[in-house]
All heavy atoms as atom14 arrays in JSON, in Angstrom:
{
  "sequence": "HESMMVSYTVVNGWTVVEIDGDVDARTASMVREAVIK",
  "atom14_mask": [
    [1, 1, 1, 1, 1, 1, 1, 1, 1, 1, 0, 0, 0, 0],
    [1, 1, 1, 1, 1, 1, 1, 1, 1, 0, 0, 0, 0, 0],
    [1, 1, 1, 1, 1, 1, 0, 0, 0, 0, 0, 0, 0, 0],
    [1, 1, 1, 1, 1, 1, 1, 1, 0, 0, 0, 0, 0, 0],
    [1, 1, 1, 1, 1, 1, 1, 1, 0, 0, 0, 0, 0, 0],
    [1, 1, 1, 1, 1, 1, 1, 0, 0, 0, 0, 0, 0, 0],
    [1, 1, 1, 1, 1, 1, 0, 0, 0, 0, 0, 0, 0, 0],
    [1, 1, 1, 1, 1, 1, 1, 1, 1, 1, 1, 1, 0, 0],
    [1, 1, 1, 1, 1, 1, 1, 0, 0, 0, 0, 0, 0, 0],
    [1, 1, 1, 1, 1, 1, 1, 0, 0, 0, 0, 0, 0, 0],
    [1, 1, 1, 1, 1, 1, 1, 0, 0, 0, 0, 0, 0, 0],
    [1, 1, 1, 1, 1, 1, 1, 1, 0, 0, 0, 0, 0, 0],
    [1, 1, 1, 1, 0, 0, 0, 0, 0, 0, 0, 0, 0, 0],
    [1, 1, 1, 1, 1, 1, 1, 1, 1, 1, 1, 1, 1, 1],
    [1, 1, 1, 1, 1, 1, 1, 0, 0, 0, 0, 0, 0, 0],
    [1, 1, 1, 1, 1, 1, 1, 0, 0, 0, 0, 0, 0, 0],
    [1, 1, 1, 1, 1, 1, 1, 0, 0, 0, 0, 0, 0, 0],
    [1, 1, 1, 1, 1, 1, 1, 1, 1, 0, 0, 0, 0, 0],
    [1, 1, 1, 1, 1, 1, 1, 1, 0, 0, 0, 0, 0, 0],
    [1, 1, 1, 1, 1, 1, 1, 1, 0, 0, 0, 0, 0, 0],
    [1, 1, 1, 1, 0, 0, 0, 0, 0, 0, 0, 0, 0, 0],
    [1, 1, 1, 1, 1, 1, 1, 1, 0, 0, 0, 0, 0, 0],
    [1, 1, 1, 1, 1, 1, 1, 0, 0, 0, 0, 0, 0, 0],
    [1, 1, 1, 1, 1, 1, 1, 1, 0, 0, 0, 0, 0, 0],
    [1, 1, 1, 1, 1, 0, 0, 0, 0, 0, 0, 0, 0, 0],
    [1, 1, 1, 1, 1, 1, 1, 1, 1, 1, 1, 0, 0, 0],
    [1, 1, 1, 1, 1, 1, 1, 0, 0, 0, 0, 0, 0, 0],
    [1, 1, 1, 1, 1, 0, 0, 0, 0, 0, 0, 0, 0, 0],
    [1, 1, 1, 1, 1, 1, 0, 0, 0, 0, 0, 0, 0, 0],
    [1, 1, 1, 1, 1, 1, 1, 1, 0, 0, 0, 0, 0, 0],
    [1, 1, 1, 1, 1, 1, 1, 0, 0, 0, 0, 0, 0, 0],
    [1, 1, 1, 1, 1, 1, 1, 1, 1, 1, 1, 0, 0, 0],
    [1, 1, 1, 1, 1, 1, 1, 1, 1, 0, 0, 0, 0, 0],
    [1, 1, 1, 1, 1, 0, 0, 0, 0, 0, 0, 0, 0, 0],
    [1, 1, 1, 1, 1, 1, 1, 0, 0, 0, 0, 0, 0, 0],
    [1, 1, 1, 1, 1, 1, 1, 1, 0, 0, 0, 0, 0, 0],
    [1, 1, 1, 1, 1, 1, 1, 1, 1, 0, 0, 0, 0, 0]
  ],
  "atom14_positions": [
    [[171.31, 88.9, 7.21], [171.48, 87.51, 7.04], [171.86, 87.24, 5.58], [171.69, 88.11, 4.67], [170.02, 86.72, 7.2], [169.98, 85.2, 7.01], [169.65, 84.72, 5.79], [170.22, 84.35, 7.93], [169.6, 83.35, 5.95], [169.97, 83.08, 7.31], [0.0, 0.0, 0.0], [0.0, 0.0, 0.0], [0.0, 0.0, 0.0], [0.0, 0.0, 0.0]],
    [[172.35, 86.04, 5.19], [172.89, 85.81, 3.92], [172.07, 86.03, 2.71], [172.51, 86.21, 1.66], [173.61, 84.54, 3.72], [172.57, 83.33, 4.05], [173.31, 81.98, 4.28], [174.27, 81.94, 4.85], [172.71, 80.97, 4.01], [0.0, 0.0, 0.0], [0.0, 0.0, 0.0], [0.0, 0.0, 0.0], [0.0, 0.0, 0.0], [0.0, 0.0, 0.0]],
    [[170.7, 85.79, 2.86], [169.67, 85.88, 1.95], [168.69, 86.93, 2.21], [167.68, 86.95, 1.47], [169.07, 84.5, 1.64], [168.33, 84.09, 2.78], [0.0, 0.0, 0.0], [0.0, 0.0, 0.0], [0.0, 0.0, 0.0], [0.0, 0.0, 0.0], [0.0, 0.0, 0.0], [0.0, 0.0, 0.0], [0.0, 0.0, 0.0], [0.0, 0.0, 0.0]],
    [[168.88, 87.77, 3.27], [167.81, 88.68, 3.55], [168.45, 89.8, 4.54], [169.24, 89.52, 5.3], [166.73, 88.09, 4.27], [165.63, 89.02, 4.61], [164.47, 88.62, 6.0], [165.7, 88.29, 7.23], [0.0, 0.0, 0.0], [0.0, 0.0, 0.0], [0.0, 0.0, 0.0], [0.0, 0.0, 0.0], [0.0, 0.0, 0.0], [0.0, 0.0, 0.0]],
    [[167.91, 91.08, 4.28], [168.17, 92.17, 5.2], [166.93, 92.85, 5.55], [166.09, 93.07, 4.73], [169.23, 93.12, 4.52], [169.7, 94.16, 5.56], [171.04, 95.21, 4.8], [170.3, 95.95, 3.48], [0.0, 0.0, 0.0], [0.0, 0.0, 0.0], [0.0, 0.0, 0.0], [0.0, 0.0, 0.0], [0.0, 0.0, 0.0], [0.0, 0.0, 0.0]],
    [[166.86, 93.29, 6.95], [165.64, 94.18, 7.23], [166.23, 95.41, 7.89], [167.13, 95.43, 8.72], [164.93, 93.35, 8.29], [163.71, 94.24, 8.81], [164.38, 92.05, 7.86], [0.0, 0.0, 0.0], [0.0, 0.0, 0.0], [0.0, 0.0, 0.0], [0.0, 0.0, 0.0], [0.0, 0.0, 0.0], [0.0, 0.0, 0.0], [0.0, 0.0, 0.0]],
    [[165.62, 96.5, 7.31], [166.01, 97.85, 7.91], [164.76, 98.65, 8.14], [163.63, 98.19, 7.56], [166.99, 98.54, 6.95], [166.35, 98.64, 5.63], [0.0, 0.0, 0.0], [0.0, 0.0, 0.0], [0.0, 0.0, 0.0], [0.0, 0.0, 0.0], [0.0, 0.0, 0.0], [0.0, 0.0, 0.0], [0.0, 0.0, 0.0], [0.0, 0.0, 0.0]],
    [[164.91, 99.73, 8.83], [163.68, 100.62, 9.0], [164.17, 102.07, 9.07], [165.34, 102.48, 9.37], [163.03, 100.2, 10.27], [163.61, 100.77, 11.54], [163.11, 101.91, 12.23], [164.7, 100.13, 12.19], [163.65, 102.44, 13.36], [165.18, 100.69, 13.39], [164.64, 101.9, 13.84], [165.28, 102.33, 15.02], [0.0, 0.0, 0.0], [0.0, 0.0, 0.0]],
    [[163.2, 102.92, 8.88], [163.22, 104.33, 9.04], [161.87, 104.7, 9.44], [160.88, 104.08, 9.32], [163.65, 104.95, 7.7], [163.92, 106.35, 7.91], [162.65, 104.91, 6.53], [0.0, 0.0, 0.0], [0.0, 0.0, 0.0], [0.0, 0.0, 0.0], [0.0, 0.0, 0.0], [0.0, 0.0, 0.0], [0.0, 0.0, 0.0], [0.0, 0.0, 0.0]],
    [[161.79, 105.93, 9.97], [160.49, 106.51, 10.38], [160.09, 107.7, 9.43], [160.9, 108.58, 9.17], [160.46, 107.07, 11.86], [159.12, 107.73, 12.21], [160.77, 105.86, 12.69], [0.0, 0.0, 0.0], [0.0, 0.0, 0.0], [0.0, 0.0, 0.0], [0.0, 0.0, 0.0], [0.0, 0.0, 0.0], [0.0, 0.0, 0.0], [0.0, 0.0, 0.0]],
    [[158.99, 107.52, 8.74], [158.4, 108.46, 7.83], [156.95, 109.04, 8.18], [156.1, 108.13, 8.23], [158.45, 108.09, 6.37], [157.85, 108.96, 5.47], [159.87, 107.56, 5.95], [0.0, 0.0, 0.0], [0.0, 0.0, 0.0], [0.0, 0.0, 0.0], [0.0, 0.0, 0.0], [0.0, 0.0, 0.0], [0.0, 0.0, 0.0], [0.0, 0.0, 0.0]],
    [[156.76, 110.19, 8.43], [155.46, 110.74, 8.74], [154.69, 109.94, 9.76], [153.46, 109.62, 9.73], [154.66, 110.83, 7.43], [153.3, 111.82, 7.53], [153.42, 112.56, 8.28], [152.52, 111.42, 6.7], [0.0, 0.0, 0.0], [0.0, 0.0, 0.0], [0.0, 0.0, 0.0], [0.0, 0.0, 0.0], [0.0, 0.0, 0.0], [0.0, 0.0, 0.0]],
    [[155.29, 109.52, 10.78], [154.7, 108.83, 11.94], [154.61, 107.28, 11.73], [154.31, 106.51, 12.58], [0.0, 0.0, 0.0], [0.0, 0.0, 0.0], [0.0, 0.0, 0.0], [0.0, 0.0, 0.0], [0.0, 0.0, 0.0], [0.0, 0.0, 0.0], [0.0, 0.0, 0.0], [0.0, 0.0, 0.0], [0.0, 0.0, 0.0], [0.0, 0.0, 0.0]],
    [[155.02, 106.83, 10.48], [155.09, 105.37, 10.2], [156.44, 104.76, 10.37], [157.44, 105.4, 9.85], [154.6, 105.23, 8.75], [153.2, 105.5, 8.41], [152.71, 106.67, 7.96], [152.1, 104.68, 8.63], [151.48, 106.63, 7.84], [150.87, 105.42, 8.3], [151.97, 103.39, 9.1], [149.67, 104.86, 8.33], [150.65, 102.86, 9.19], [149.5, 103.55, 8.71]],
    [[156.54, 103.61, 10.88], [157.87, 102.86, 10.9], [157.83, 102.04, 9.7], [157.05, 101.11, 9.5], [158.03, 102.07, 12.11], [157.95, 102.82, 13.29], [159.38, 101.25, 12.11], [0.0, 0.0, 0.0], [0.0, 0.0, 0.0], [0.0, 0.0, 0.0], [0.0, 0.0, 0.0], [0.0, 0.0, 0.0], [0.0, 0.0, 0.0], [0.0, 0.0, 0.0]],
    [[158.69, 102.42, 8.7], [158.76, 101.68, 7.4], [159.88, 100.63, 7.48], [161.0, 100.86, 7.76], [159.13, 102.69, 6.2], [159.27, 101.94, 4.98], [158.16, 103.73, 6.23], [0.0, 0.0, 0.0], [0.0, 0.0, 0.0], [0.0, 0.0, 0.0], [0.0, 0.0, 0.0], [0.0, 0.0, 0.0], [0.0, 0.0, 0.0], [0.0, 0.0, 0.0]],
    [[159.38, 99.44, 7.51], [160.23, 98.22, 7.59], [160.48, 97.67, 6.27], [159.6, 97.22, 5.63], [159.67, 97.09, 8.5], [160.68, 95.89, 8.53], [159.46, 97.71, 9.86], [0.0, 0.0, 0.0], [0.0, 0.0, 0.0], [0.0, 0.0, 0.0], [0.0, 0.0, 0.0], [0.0, 0.0, 0.0], [0.0, 0.0, 0.0], [0.0, 0.0, 0.0]],
    [[161.77, 97.8, 5.8], [162.12, 97.5, 4.37], [162.77, 95.96, 4.45], [163.73, 95.8, 5.21], [163.1, 98.32, 3.79], [163.34, 98.02, 2.29], [164.33, 98.97, 1.77], [163.92, 100.05, 1.27], [165.54, 98.6, 1.57], [0.0, 0.0, 0.0], [0.0, 0.0, 0.0], [0.0, 0.0, 0.0], [0.0, 0.0, 0.0], [0.0, 0.0, 0.0]],
    [[162.14, 95.09, 3.78], [162.66, 93.7, 3.79], [163.34, 93.42, 2.39], [162.64, 93.75, 1.35], [161.59, 92.7, 4.0], [160.94, 92.89, 5.32], [162.19, 91.38, 3.89], [159.67, 92.25, 5.54], [0.0, 0.0, 0.0], [0.0, 0.0, 0.0], [0.0, 0.0, 0.0], [0.0, 0.0, 0.0], [0.0, 0.0, 0.0], [0.0, 0.0, 0.0]],
    [[164.53, 93.09, 2.34], [165.35, 92.94, 1.04], [165.88, 91.49, 1.08], [166.58, 91.04, 1.82], [166.56, 93.93, 0.97], [167.19, 93.83, -0.19], [166.86, 93.0, -1.1], [168.08, 94.76, -0.41], [0.0, 0.0, 0.0], [0.0, 0.0, 0.0], [0.0, 0.0, 0.0], [0.0, 0.0, 0.0], [0.0, 0.0, 0.0], [0.0, 0.0, 0.0]],
    [[165.28, 90.62, 0.17], [165.63, 89.2, -0.04], [164.49, 88.4, 0.04], [163.38, 88.55, -0.05], [0.0, 0.0, 0.0], [0.0, 0.0, 0.0], [0.0, 0.0, 0.0], [0.0, 0.0, 0.0], [0.0, 0.0, 0.0], [0.0, 0.0, 0.0], [0.0, 0.0, 0.0], [0.0, 0.0, 0.0], [0.0, 0.0, 0.0], [0.0, 0.0, 0.0]],
    [[164.84, 87.1, 0.48], [163.8, 86.04, 0.81], [163.19, 85.98, 2.07], [163.88, 86.11, 3.11], [164.52, 84.6, 0.5], [165.06, 84.56, -0.88], [164.77, 85.14, -1.73], [166.0, 83.57, -1.03], [0.0, 0.0, 0.0], [0.0, 0.0, 0.0], [0.0, 0.0, 0.0], [0.0, 0.0, 0.0], [0.0, 0.0, 0.0], [0.0, 0.0, 0.0]],
    [[161.96, 85.76, 2.14], [161.11, 85.6, 3.31], [160.56, 84.24, 3.34], [159.57, 83.97, 2.72], [159.99, 86.73, 3.61], [159.43, 86.58, 4.91], [160.6, 88.17, 3.42], [0.0, 0.0, 0.0], [0.0, 0.0, 0.0], [0.0, 0.0, 0.0], [0.0, 0.0, 0.0], [0.0, 0.0, 0.0], [0.0, 0.0, 0.0], [0.0, 0.0, 0.0]],
    [[161.22, 83.32, 3.99], [160.94, 81.9, 3.89], [161.03, 81.28, 5.28], [161.24, 81.92, 6.27], [161.7, 81.21, 2.72], [163.2, 81.41, 2.85], [163.75, 81.7, 4.09], [163.94, 81.14, 1.88], [0.0, 0.0, 0.0], [0.0, 0.0, 0.0], [0.0, 0.0, 0.0], [0.0, 0.0, 0.0], [0.0, 0.0, 0.0], [0.0, 0.0, 0.0]],
    [[161.12, 79.95, 5.2], [161.16, 79.15, 6.5], [162.48, 79.52, 7.27], [162.44, 79.47, 8.41], [161.12, 77.69, 6.29], [0.0, 0.0, 0.0], [0.0, 0.0, 0.0], [0.0, 0.0, 0.0], [0.0, 0.0, 0.0], [0.0, 0.0, 0.0], [0.0, 0.0, 0.0], [0.0, 0.0, 0.0], [0.0, 0.0, 0.0], [0.0, 0.0, 0.0]],
    [[163.57, 79.92, 6.46], [164.84, 80.24, 7.3], [164.87, 81.64, 7.78], [165.56, 81.83, 8.69], [166.07, 80.04, 6.13], [166.26, 78.62, 5.87], [167.33, 78.43, 4.8], [167.27, 79.45, 3.71], [168.25, 80.18, 3.22], [169.48, 80.17, 3.73], [167.95, 81.04, 2.17], [0.0, 0.0, 0.0], [0.0, 0.0, 0.0], [0.0, 0.0, 0.0]],
    [[164.12, 82.51, 7.22], [164.19, 83.96, 7.57], [163.03, 84.53, 8.3], [163.25, 85.59, 8.72], [164.61, 84.73, 6.32], [163.57, 84.64, 5.37], [165.99, 84.29, 5.78], [0.0, 0.0, 0.0], [0.0, 0.0, 0.0], [0.0, 0.0, 0.0], [0.0, 0.0, 0.0], [0.0, 0.0, 0.0], [0.0, 0.0, 0.0], [0.0, 0.0, 0.0]],
    [[161.9, 83.83, 8.01], [160.59, 84.52, 8.55], [160.74, 84.88, 10.04], [160.25, 86.01, 10.41], [159.34, 83.57, 8.28], [0.0, 0.0, 0.0], [0.0, 0.0, 0.0], [0.0, 0.0, 0.0], [0.0, 0.0, 0.0], [0.0, 0.0, 0.0], [0.0, 0.0, 0.0], [0.0, 0.0, 0.0], [0.0, 0.0, 0.0], [0.0, 0.0, 0.0]],
    [[161.22, 84.0, 10.87], [161.36, 84.28, 12.28], [162.17, 85.5, 12.64], [161.99, 86.23, 13.51], [161.86, 83.07, 13.02], [163.27, 82.76, 12.77], [0.0, 0.0, 0.0], [0.0, 0.0, 0.0], [0.0, 0.0, 0.0], [0.0, 0.0, 0.0], [0.0, 0.0, 0.0], [0.0, 0.0, 0.0], [0.0, 0.0, 0.0], [0.0, 0.0, 0.0]],
    [[163.21, 85.71, 11.78], [164.09, 87.07, 11.93], [163.23, 88.19, 11.68], [163.52, 89.23, 12.35], [165.33, 86.83, 10.98], [166.22, 85.79, 11.38], [167.68, 85.86, 10.32], [167.33, 84.32, 9.45], [0.0, 0.0, 0.0], [0.0, 0.0, 0.0], [0.0, 0.0, 0.0], [0.0, 0.0, 0.0], [0.0, 0.0, 0.0], [0.0, 0.0, 0.0]],
    [[162.41, 88.09, 10.64], [161.55, 89.33, 10.34], [160.7, 89.57, 11.58], [160.41, 90.75, 12.02], [160.78, 89.14, 9.14], [159.66, 90.12, 8.9], [161.66, 89.04, 7.92], [0.0, 0.0, 0.0], [0.0, 0.0, 0.0], [0.0, 0.0, 0.0], [0.0, 0.0, 0.0], [0.0, 0.0, 0.0], [0.0, 0.0, 0.0], [0.0, 0.0, 0.0]],
    [[160.01, 88.53, 11.97], [159.06, 88.63, 13.15], [159.8, 89.24, 14.33], [159.31, 90.13, 14.94], [158.47, 87.2, 13.45], [157.51, 87.27, 14.61], [156.97, 85.82, 14.93], [156.38, 85.78, 16.2], [156.88, 85.6, 17.39], [158.17, 85.6, 17.48], [156.2, 85.66, 18.4], [0.0, 0.0, 0.0], [0.0, 0.0, 0.0], [0.0, 0.0, 0.0]],
    [[160.98, 88.67, 14.68], [161.66, 89.23, 15.88], [162.11, 90.64, 15.77], [162.03, 91.54, 16.67], [162.98, 88.41, 16.09], [162.57, 86.94, 16.6], [163.74, 85.97, 16.65], [164.89, 86.44, 16.5], [163.54, 84.77, 16.63], [0.0, 0.0, 0.0], [0.0, 0.0, 0.0], [0.0, 0.0, 0.0], [0.0, 0.0, 0.0], [0.0, 0.0, 0.0]],
    [[162.4, 91.08, 14.46], [162.71, 92.42, 14.27], [161.68, 93.42, 14.5], [161.79, 94.44, 15.07], [163.35, 92.59, 12.75], [0.0, 0.0, 0.0], [0.0, 0.0, 0.0], [0.0, 0.0, 0.0], [0.0, 0.0, 0.0], [0.0, 0.0, 0.0], [0.0, 0.0, 0.0], [0.0, 0.0, 0.0], [0.0, 0.0, 0.0], [0.0, 0.0, 0.0]],
    [[160.45, 93.02, 13.99], [159.28, 93.77, 14.29], [158.92, 93.84, 15.71], [158.55, 94.98, 16.26], [158.1, 93.5, 13.32], [156.91, 94.17, 13.59], [158.57, 93.62, 11.79], [0.0, 0.0, 0.0], [0.0, 0.0, 0.0], [0.0, 0.0, 0.0], [0.0, 0.0, 0.0], [0.0, 0.0, 0.0], [0.0, 0.0, 0.0], [0.0, 0.0, 0.0]],
    [[158.91, 92.85, 16.36], [158.6, 92.7, 17.84], [159.62, 93.59, 18.64], [159.15, 94.35, 19.46], [158.66, 91.22, 18.32], [157.41, 90.39, 17.77], [158.7, 91.29, 19.73], [157.49, 88.96, 18.09], [0.0, 0.0, 0.0], [0.0, 0.0, 0.0], [0.0, 0.0, 0.0], [0.0, 0.0, 0.0], [0.0, 0.0, 0.0], [0.0, 0.0, 0.0]],
    [[160.75, 93.59, 18.23], [161.76, 94.44, 18.82], [161.3, 95.89, 18.72], [161.4, 96.72, 19.58], [163.25, 94.23, 18.33], [164.23, 95.1, 18.93], [165.67, 94.98, 18.43], [166.63, 95.88, 18.98], [167.77, 96.02, 18.29], [0.0, 0.0, 0.0], [0.0, 0.0, 0.0], [0.0, 0.0, 0.0], [0.0, 0.0, 0.0], [0.0, 0.0, 0.0]]
  ]
}
C-alpha cells in the first residue's frame, strides 16, 4: 500500500509478520486480512 507494506517469513516455527509503515484507519483492515489469509 502507499503508506504500508506487510511481509512474512517463517523462523523457528513462528510466522514473523513484519509491518512497515502506518497502521491506521486506512490500512488496519489490510493487516487483518493478511494475517487471516
